[in-house]
Protein backbone atom coordinates (compact mmCIF):
# COMPACT_ATOMS: atom_id res chain seq x y z
CA UNK A 1 31.03 -3.01 2.22
CA UNK A 2 31.94 -0.02 3.38
CA UNK A 3 29.41 3.14 3.89
CA UNK A 4 31.37 5.26 1.32
CA UNK A 5 31.26 2.42 -1.26
CA UNK A 6 27.38 1.91 -0.67
CA UNK A 7 26.54 4.99 -1.79
CA UNK A 8 28.60 6.10 -4.29
CA UNK A 9 27.61 2.82 -6.25
CA UNK A 10 23.85 4.21 -5.82
CA UNK A 11 24.75 7.26 -7.44
CA UNK A 12 24.64 6.25 -11.25
CA UNK A 13 21.52 4.44 -10.72
CA UNK A 14 20.26 8.12 -9.79
CA UNK A 15 21.56 10.08 -12.41
CA UNK A 16 20.45 7.46 -15.02
CA UNK A 17 16.89 7.25 -13.46
CA UNK A 18 16.44 11.24 -13.60
CA UNK A 19 17.08 11.71 -17.37
CA UNK A 20 14.58 8.83 -17.89
CA UNK A 21 11.95 10.22 -16.05
CA UNK A 22 12.04 13.54 -17.56
CA UNK A 23 11.39 12.34 -20.79
CA UNK A 24 8.75 9.43 -19.57
CA UNK A 25 5.20 10.12 -20.05
CA UNK A 26 2.68 10.73 -17.10
CA UNK A 27 2.59 7.93 -15.22
CA UNK A 28 5.68 6.51 -16.51
CA UNK A 29 8.41 7.84 -14.55
CA UNK A 30 9.59 5.46 -12.64
CA UNK A 31 9.51 2.10 -14.52
CA UNK A 32 11.04 4.23 -17.50
CA UNK A 33 13.81 4.38 -14.91
CA UNK A 34 14.39 0.79 -14.46
CA UNK A 35 13.91 0.07 -18.81
CA UNK A 36 16.71 2.86 -19.41
CA UNK A 37 19.10 0.08 -17.69
CA UNK A 38 18.13 -2.21 -20.36
CA UNK A 39 16.04 -4.41 -18.14
CA UNK A 40 13.35 -6.28 -20.21
CA UNK A 41 9.94 -5.26 -20.16
CA UNK A 42 7.36 -6.58 -16.88
CA UNK A 43 5.31 -9.39 -18.28
CA UNK A 44 1.20 -9.33 -18.62
CA UNK A 45 -0.48 -11.57 -16.36
CA UNK A 46 -1.39 -14.94 -18.39
CA UNK A 47 -5.60 -15.49 -18.70
CA UNK A 48 -6.88 -17.54 -15.42
CA UNK A 49 -6.41 -21.45 -15.45
CA UNK A 50 -8.10 -24.10 -13.35
CA UNK A 51 -8.25 -22.47 -10.17
CA UNK A 52 -10.85 -20.78 -11.09
CA UNK A 53 -14.52 -21.25 -11.82
CA UNK A 54 -17.81 -19.25 -13.11
CA UNK A 55 -19.38 -16.52 -12.90
CA UNK A 56 -22.76 -18.85 -12.20
CA UNK A 57 -26.16 -17.83 -12.65
CA UNK A 58 -26.88 -18.98 -8.84
CA UNK A 59 -23.91 -19.62 -6.35
CA UNK A 60 -24.84 -20.79 -2.83
CA UNK A 61 -22.54 -20.95 0.03
CA UNK A 62 -24.26 -23.31 2.09
CA UNK A 63 -23.71 -24.10 6.11
CA UNK A 64 -21.16 -21.31 6.69
CA UNK A 65 -20.20 -19.19 9.77
CA UNK A 66 -19.86 -15.34 8.99
CA UNK A 67 -18.73 -12.51 9.90
CA UNK A 68 -20.45 -9.50 8.30
CA UNK A 69 -17.73 -6.44 9.39
CA UNK A 70 -19.83 -4.52 11.18
CA UNK A 71 -18.54 -5.50 14.41
CA UNK A 72 -20.87 -8.09 15.12
CA UNK A 73 -19.99 -11.52 16.39
CA UNK A 74 -19.87 -14.74 14.20
CA UNK A 75 -23.16 -16.15 13.26
CA UNK A 76 -23.66 -19.37 11.59
CA UNK A 77 -24.70 -21.69 9.55
CA UNK A 78 -25.92 -19.25 7.73
CA UNK A 79 -26.47 -20.13 3.90
CA UNK A 80 -25.83 -17.48 1.29
CA UNK A 81 -27.70 -16.94 -1.71
CA UNK A 82 -25.79 -15.36 -4.89
CA UNK A 83 -27.60 -14.39 -8.04
CA UNK A 84 -25.07 -12.73 -10.46
CA UNK A 85 -22.42 -10.47 -8.09
CA UNK A 86 -25.38 -9.62 -5.36
CA UNK A 87 -26.79 -11.54 -2.77
CA UNK A 88 -30.43 -11.92 -2.82
CA UNK A 89 -30.92 -14.32 0.62
CA UNK A 90 -29.10 -15.21 3.78
CA UNK A 91 -30.99 -18.49 5.17
CA UNK A 92 -30.52 -18.43 8.72
CA UNK A 93 -29.35 -14.85 9.17
CA UNK A 94 -30.30 -11.95 11.37
CA UNK A 95 -31.69 -11.99 14.62
CA UNK A 96 -34.43 -14.75 14.41
CA UNK A 97 -31.09 -17.00 13.03
CA UNK A 98 -33.63 -19.72 12.20
CA UNK A 99 -32.01 -22.02 9.79
CA UNK A 100 -34.24 -24.13 7.55
CA UNK A 101 -32.62 -26.98 5.75
CA UNK A 102 -33.27 -28.95 2.51
CA UNK A 103 -33.68 -25.85 0.21
CA UNK A 104 -33.95 -26.91 -3.33
CA UNK A 105 -31.40 -23.77 -5.26
CA UNK A 106 -32.48 -25.41 -8.70
CA UNK A 107 -30.06 -27.43 -10.84
CA UNK A 108 -28.50 -24.80 -12.06
CA UNK A 109 -27.15 -23.80 -8.91
CA UNK A 110 -23.43 -24.10 -7.96
CA UNK A 111 -23.74 -25.28 -4.37
CA UNK A 112 -20.10 -24.92 -1.61
CA UNK A 113 -20.80 -26.64 1.11
CA UNK A 114 -18.65 -24.43 3.90
CA UNK A 115 -19.46 -26.38 7.16
CA UNK A 116 -17.06 -25.54 9.39
CA UNK A 117 -16.24 -22.56 7.53
CA UNK A 118 -15.90 -18.92 7.77
CA UNK A 119 -17.16 -16.28 5.25
CA UNK A 120 -16.03 -12.74 5.24
CA UNK A 121 -16.19 -9.84 3.26
CA UNK A 122 -13.53 -9.63 0.83
CA UNK A 123 -10.63 -7.57 2.49
CA UNK A 124 -9.23 -4.25 0.71
CA UNK A 125 -5.73 -3.90 0.81
CA UNK A 126 -5.27 -0.11 0.38
CA UNK A 127 -1.35 -0.16 -0.25
CA UNK A 128 -0.12 -2.13 -2.83
CA UNK A 129 2.75 -2.12 -5.24
CA UNK A 130 1.08 -5.15 -7.76
CA UNK A 131 4.44 -4.87 -9.67
CA UNK A 132 8.20 -3.35 -7.71
CA UNK A 133 10.36 -2.70 -10.52
CA UNK A 134 13.41 -3.47 -7.77
CA UNK A 135 12.62 -6.59 -8.04
CA UNK A 136 14.93 -6.37 -11.24
CA UNK A 137 17.93 -6.31 -9.17
CA UNK A 138 17.21 -9.29 -7.48
CA UNK A 139 16.85 -11.28 -10.63
CA UNK A 140 13.47 -10.39 -12.38
CA UNK A 141 10.36 -7.87 -12.39
CA UNK A 142 7.53 -8.99 -10.57
CA UNK A 143 5.20 -11.59 -11.88
CA UNK A 144 1.73 -10.11 -12.09
CA UNK A 145 0.19 -13.90 -11.97
CA UNK A 146 2.01 -14.53 -8.71
CA UNK A 147 0.86 -11.60 -7.03
CA UNK A 148 -2.43 -11.92 -8.23
CA UNK A 149 -2.98 -15.03 -6.88
CA UNK A 150 -1.59 -14.73 -3.58
CA UNK A 151 -3.62 -11.40 -2.68
CA UNK A 152 -6.64 -13.72 -3.37
CA UNK A 153 -5.46 -16.87 -1.27
CA UNK A 154 -5.20 -14.32 1.56
CA UNK A 155 -8.56 -13.09 1.05
CA UNK A 156 -7.85 -9.98 -0.13
CA UNK A 157 -10.34 -8.70 -3.38
CA UNK A 158 -9.66 -5.01 -4.14
CA UNK A 159 -6.59 -3.56 -3.72
CA UNK A 160 -5.30 0.10 -4.19
CA UNK A 161 -1.74 0.38 -6.52
CA UNK A 162 0.17 2.96 -3.98
CA UNK A 163 1.82 4.64 -7.04
CA UNK A 164 1.39 2.39 -10.20
CA UNK A 165 4.99 2.35 -9.81
CA UNK A 166 5.60 -0.58 -12.79
CA UNK A 167 3.90 1.67 -14.77
CA UNK A 168 0.33 3.39 -15.17
CA UNK A 169 -0.20 1.81 -18.34
CA UNK A 170 0.58 -1.47 -16.75
CA UNK A 171 -1.25 -1.71 -14.25
CA UNK A 172 -4.39 -0.29 -15.74
CA UNK A 173 -4.01 -3.01 -18.20
CA UNK A 174 -3.94 -5.93 -15.08
CA UNK A 175 -6.88 -3.80 -13.79
CA UNK A 176 -9.24 -4.16 -16.64
CA UNK A 177 -8.38 -8.01 -17.08
CA UNK A 178 -9.19 -8.14 -13.75
CA UNK A 179 -12.42 -6.47 -13.76
CA UNK A 180 -13.41 -8.49 -17.21
CA UNK A 181 -12.73 -11.95 -15.23
CA UNK A 182 -9.58 -12.62 -17.40
CA UNK A 183 -7.31 -12.76 -14.98
CA UNK A 184 -6.82 -14.72 -11.29
CA UNK A 185 -6.55 -11.04 -9.67
CA UNK A 186 -8.34 -8.72 -7.27
CA UNK A 187 -10.01 -5.33 -7.96
CA UNK A 188 -7.28 -2.53 -8.45
CA UNK A 189 -7.72 1.00 -7.98
CA UNK A 190 -4.44 2.30 -9.93
CA UNK A 191 -2.67 5.36 -8.37
CA UNK A 192 -0.14 7.69 -10.24
CA UNK A 193 2.87 8.34 -8.85
CA UNK A 194 3.36 12.28 -8.88
CA UNK A 195 7.12 13.53 -9.75
CA UNK A 196 8.60 15.29 -7.43
CA UNK A 197 10.32 17.90 -9.48
CA UNK A 198 7.70 20.01 -11.84
CA UNK A 199 7.82 23.57 -12.97
CA UNK A 200 4.74 25.04 -12.05
CA UNK A 201 1.52 24.10 -10.15
CA UNK A 202 -0.30 24.54 -13.67
CA UNK A 203 2.63 21.70 -14.99
CA UNK A 204 1.38 20.19 -11.95
CA UNK A 205 -2.66 20.22 -13.18
CA UNK A 206 -1.80 19.25 -16.67
CA UNK A 207 -0.25 15.75 -14.91
CA UNK A 208 -3.22 15.08 -13.02
CA UNK A 209 -5.43 15.58 -16.03
CA UNK A 210 -3.26 13.27 -18.26
CA UNK A 211 -3.26 10.23 -15.92
CA UNK A 212 -6.89 11.10 -15.20
CA UNK A 213 -7.36 10.96 -19.24
CA UNK A 214 -5.50 7.57 -18.87
CA UNK A 215 -7.82 5.85 -16.04
CA UNK A 216 -5.86 6.32 -12.83
CA UNK A 217 -8.40 6.04 -9.91
CA UNK A 218 -6.28 8.38 -7.83
CA UNK A 219 -2.40 10.41 -7.36
CA UNK A 220 0.03 9.67 -4.56
CA UNK A 221 2.91 12.50 -3.66
CA UNK A 222 5.97 11.46 -2.12
CA UNK A 223 7.13 14.42 -1.82
CA UNK A 224 7.26 18.38 -4.55
CA UNK A 225 7.23 21.96 -3.72
CA UNK A 226 4.15 22.81 -1.54
CA UNK A 227 2.80 24.91 -4.24
CA UNK A 228 2.85 22.11 -6.55
CA UNK A 229 1.22 19.03 -4.54
CA UNK A 230 -1.70 21.93 -3.93
CA UNK A 231 -2.36 22.70 -6.90
CA UNK A 232 -2.35 18.91 -8.22
CA UNK A 233 -4.37 17.67 -4.91
CA UNK A 234 -7.01 20.53 -5.99
CA UNK A 235 -6.92 19.23 -9.47
CA UNK A 236 -7.57 15.58 -8.36
CA UNK A 237 -10.59 16.67 -6.19
CA UNK A 238 -12.15 18.34 -9.24
CA UNK A 239 -11.74 15.16 -11.09
CA UNK A 240 -13.51 13.09 -8.42
CA UNK A 241 -9.65 11.31 -8.12
CA UNK A 242 -8.42 10.06 -4.86
CA UNK A 243 -5.14 11.39 -3.43
CA UNK A 244 -2.16 9.55 -1.08
CA UNK A 245 1.01 11.13 0.53
CA UNK A 246 3.92 9.42 1.41
CA UNK A 247 5.42 12.08 3.33
CA UNK A 248 9.30 11.53 2.59
CA UNK A 249 11.81 13.06 4.87
CA UNK A 250 13.43 14.91 1.99
CA UNK A 251 10.17 17.21 1.91
CA UNK A 252 8.40 16.70 5.28
CA UNK A 253 9.86 19.96 7.01
CA UNK A 254 8.10 21.86 4.16
CA UNK A 255 5.04 19.88 3.94
CA UNK A 256 3.96 17.48 7.20
CA UNK A 257 0.62 15.68 7.19
CA UNK A 258 -1.08 18.49 9.02
CA UNK A 259 -0.42 20.81 5.86
CA UNK A 260 -1.27 18.46 3.32
CA UNK A 261 -4.73 17.27 5.07
CA UNK A 262 -5.30 21.79 5.23
CA UNK A 263 -4.74 21.23 1.19
CA UNK A 264 -7.12 18.39 1.11
CA UNK A 265 -5.36 15.28 0.97
CA UNK A 266 -7.26 11.74 1.19
CA UNK A 267 -4.81 9.66 2.99
CA UNK A 268 -1.65 9.83 4.46
CA UNK A 269 0.84 6.59 4.11
CA UNK A 270 3.31 4.58 6.19
CA UNK A 271 3.49 7.23 9.39
CA UNK A 272 6.03 9.52 8.09
CA UNK A 273 5.23 13.38 8.59
CA UNK A 274 3.04 12.69 11.66
CA UNK A 275 5.75 13.05 14.44
CA UNK A 276 7.00 16.21 12.30
CA UNK A 277 3.39 17.36 12.70
CA UNK A 278 3.46 16.67 16.31
CA UNK A 279 7.14 18.18 17.29
CA UNK A 280 7.53 20.51 19.95
CA UNK A 281 10.89 22.74 20.36
CA UNK A 282 11.89 21.38 17.03
CA UNK A 283 11.10 21.02 13.57
CA UNK A 284 13.43 19.05 11.77
CA UNK A 285 14.09 15.44 13.35
CA UNK A 286 17.46 14.73 15.35
CA UNK A 287 19.70 12.87 13.17
CA UNK A 288 23.27 11.82 13.66
CA UNK A 289 25.53 14.22 12.70
CA UNK A 290 26.89 11.49 9.69
CA UNK A 291 23.30 10.46 8.59
CA UNK A 292 22.86 10.36 4.61
CA UNK A 293 19.53 10.03 3.53
CA UNK A 294 20.83 7.99 0.39
CA UNK A 295 22.60 5.46 2.68
CA UNK A 296 19.15 3.03 3.29
CA UNK A 297 20.68 1.41 6.51
CA UNK A 298 20.61 5.71 7.89
CA UNK A 299 17.30 5.74 6.55
CA UNK A 300 15.61 3.35 8.45
CA UNK A 301 17.72 3.10 11.34
CA UNK A 302 17.06 6.63 12.57
CA UNK A 303 12.86 6.15 10.92
CA UNK A 304 12.92 4.31 13.91
CA UNK A 305 13.94 6.88 16.56
CA UNK A 306 11.50 9.55 14.95
CA UNK A 307 8.08 8.95 17.32
CA UNK A 308 10.12 9.24 20.65
CA UNK A 309 11.50 13.02 19.21
CA UNK A 310 7.35 13.78 18.94
CA UNK A 311 5.05 15.04 21.99
CA UNK A 312 3.82 12.70 24.41
CA UNK A 313 0.63 10.63 24.21
CA UNK A 314 -2.51 12.31 25.33
CA UNK A 315 -0.55 15.77 25.18
CA UNK A 316 -2.40 18.64 24.35
CA UNK A 317 -0.64 18.66 20.87
CA UNK A 318 -1.19 14.91 20.59
CA UNK A 319 -4.82 15.39 21.19
CA UNK A 320 -5.11 18.53 19.11
CA UNK A 321 -3.72 17.52 15.87
CA UNK A 322 -5.94 14.04 16.27
CA UNK A 323 -9.11 16.19 16.46
CA UNK A 324 -7.80 18.21 13.00
CA UNK A 325 -7.01 14.70 11.22
CA UNK A 326 -9.93 13.48 12.08
CA UNK A 327 -12.29 16.92 11.51
CA UNK A 328 -10.50 17.81 7.81
CA UNK A 329 -11.36 13.56 7.08
CA UNK A 330 -7.96 12.26 6.59
CA UNK A 331 -8.03 8.61 6.23
CA UNK A 332 -4.75 6.80 7.91
CA UNK A 333 -2.78 3.89 6.31
CA UNK A 334 -0.68 2.38 8.49
CA UNK A 335 1.16 -0.50 6.63
CA UNK A 336 2.41 -1.81 9.80
CA UNK A 337 3.77 -5.23 8.04
CA UNK A 338 5.76 -3.55 5.79
CA UNK A 339 8.17 -2.46 8.63
CA UNK A 340 7.62 -5.94 10.63
CA UNK A 341 10.95 -7.04 10.37
CA UNK A 342 13.14 -4.04 11.86
CA UNK A 343 11.77 -5.42 14.93
CA UNK A 344 12.98 -9.19 14.74
CA UNK A 345 15.14 -9.33 11.60
CA UNK A 346 16.14 -13.30 12.00
CA UNK A 347 12.69 -14.16 12.79
CA UNK A 348 11.30 -12.30 9.79
CA UNK A 349 14.30 -14.19 7.49
CA UNK A 350 13.67 -17.28 8.77
CA UNK A 351 9.32 -17.62 8.37
CA UNK A 352 8.33 -21.37 7.73
CA UNK A 353 6.62 -20.27 4.39
CA UNK A 354 9.55 -18.79 2.67
CA UNK A 355 10.90 -21.81 1.32
CA UNK A 356 7.43 -23.15 -0.39
CA UNK A 357 5.93 -19.32 -1.17
CA UNK A 358 8.55 -16.48 -1.63
CA UNK A 359 9.71 -16.30 -5.20
CA UNK A 360 13.09 -16.24 -4.80
CA UNK A 361 14.00 -13.11 -6.86
CA UNK A 362 11.83 -11.18 -4.24
CA UNK A 363 13.49 -12.61 -1.26
CA UNK A 364 17.17 -11.88 -3.23
CA UNK A 365 15.42 -7.99 -3.48
CA UNK A 366 15.35 -8.06 0.40
CA UNK A 367 18.51 -8.79 0.72
CA UNK A 368 20.74 -6.08 1.90
CA UNK A 369 21.42 -4.16 -1.32
CA UNK A 370 22.33 -0.41 -2.25
CA UNK A 371 20.72 -0.08 -5.51
CA UNK A 372 17.42 -1.68 -4.07
CA UNK A 373 14.78 0.88 -1.66
CA UNK A 374 13.99 -0.83 1.42
CA UNK A 375 16.68 -3.20 1.10
CA UNK A 376 18.56 -1.62 4.61
CA UNK A 377 19.93 -4.27 7.08
CA UNK A 378 23.48 -4.24 6.52
CA UNK A 379 24.03 -3.29 9.86
CA UNK A 380 21.45 -4.06 11.87
CA UNK A 381 21.65 -4.11 15.27
CA UNK A 382 20.05 -5.28 18.43
CA UNK A 383 19.69 -1.42 18.99
CA UNK A 384 17.90 -0.91 16.15
CA UNK A 385 15.41 -3.61 16.24
CA UNK A 386 14.64 -2.32 20.27
CA UNK A 387 14.25 1.52 18.77
CA UNK A 388 11.57 0.03 16.19
CA UNK A 389 9.37 -1.65 18.94
CA UNK A 390 9.51 1.50 20.52
CA UNK A 391 8.94 3.27 17.75
CA UNK A 392 5.92 0.54 17.23
CA UNK A 393 4.25 1.58 20.55
CA UNK A 394 3.91 4.74 19.50
CA UNK A 395 2.73 4.84 16.34
CA UNK A 396 0.27 1.84 17.34
CA UNK A 397 -0.98 4.31 20.35
CA UNK A 398 -1.50 7.08 17.96
CA UNK A 399 -3.46 4.96 15.12
CA UNK A 400 -5.81 3.14 18.03
CA UNK A 401 -6.34 6.73 19.42
CA UNK A 402 -7.44 8.09 16.07
CA UNK A 403 -9.80 4.81 15.69
CA UNK A 404 -11.16 5.37 18.97
CA UNK A 405 -12.13 8.98 18.15
CA UNK A 406 -14.35 7.97 15.32
CA UNK A 407 -11.30 7.77 12.41
């Protein structure tokens, strides 16, 4: 398919989406675009099945090797006694590491033999899309039962849904079902997606209040006029809500990571906006003359060439940016895994677990398709993969530097 055709096919969906989003209630802007195309609403996860058990009055995890997440080395065997939702005793834990065997935990205790196994704190995935509307173009909207069980199977017990793009109402319903233990799912922090167009700062504040009233835990931005972003962040702070920002290339010249952090932003998503904050001798990324942001191949191909245009690691600009972001209390949420295929596409497409564990509609949603965001490997070349490998090296150097400095 030619470049021109790819762009023209995507255009009607963009127009329809804009009309639907304008009429949507706060937090429902993205999913309304999909439903306006005649696609059936997303399903709700069913009640948990035989894969789950509990809660227990007393749960004992016996003879485990524990990794406590503090940086301490593994230690074991340790027996963990849990009553209700609290760890009340570690037998064999601590500096003495004295393990006493043969303890009687009572007839009502549920005892799990963890010999030869590791126990770690539940993982927190700080950036997920619990539901992805564009999966519909692969044949089905996201199955929430599959997502919840997949996350739990990987040890993830808490997620932050960055945008709640399947609809804030849908996301909050799953959050509540999870909290009540009615479905197999991690805990969910629901961030609502801030619209890119709004009439005024007052309207931005009103929108934030509306999603907060619904139960949103935070707000995610992808771009808007700086005065709207500033007003929304300010309102979110007053309401004790979190804020996250994916600094899209369409708005990054007006608001880069330093700009939003100075407004009080809590976390930057991915890495867009960070290289731009450290440009020297330029304000705009050096795009090819025929670049079109609406072409996903262009968008992600050139994104992989962005870090090479910023200042060098260890330079004055690099260090000053790192230090100011630390002082402002910004959190980096790099989402390294999201772009991993760009470094070796064939390897990613032939992973051994796809056959048994990847939903077919999800796999189809990653086939090159101009209607689907992030499905851009039309003409992916070795040059693109090398560019992304270099991109990762610089990107990970900054993240590591930020971490070592206390971030």
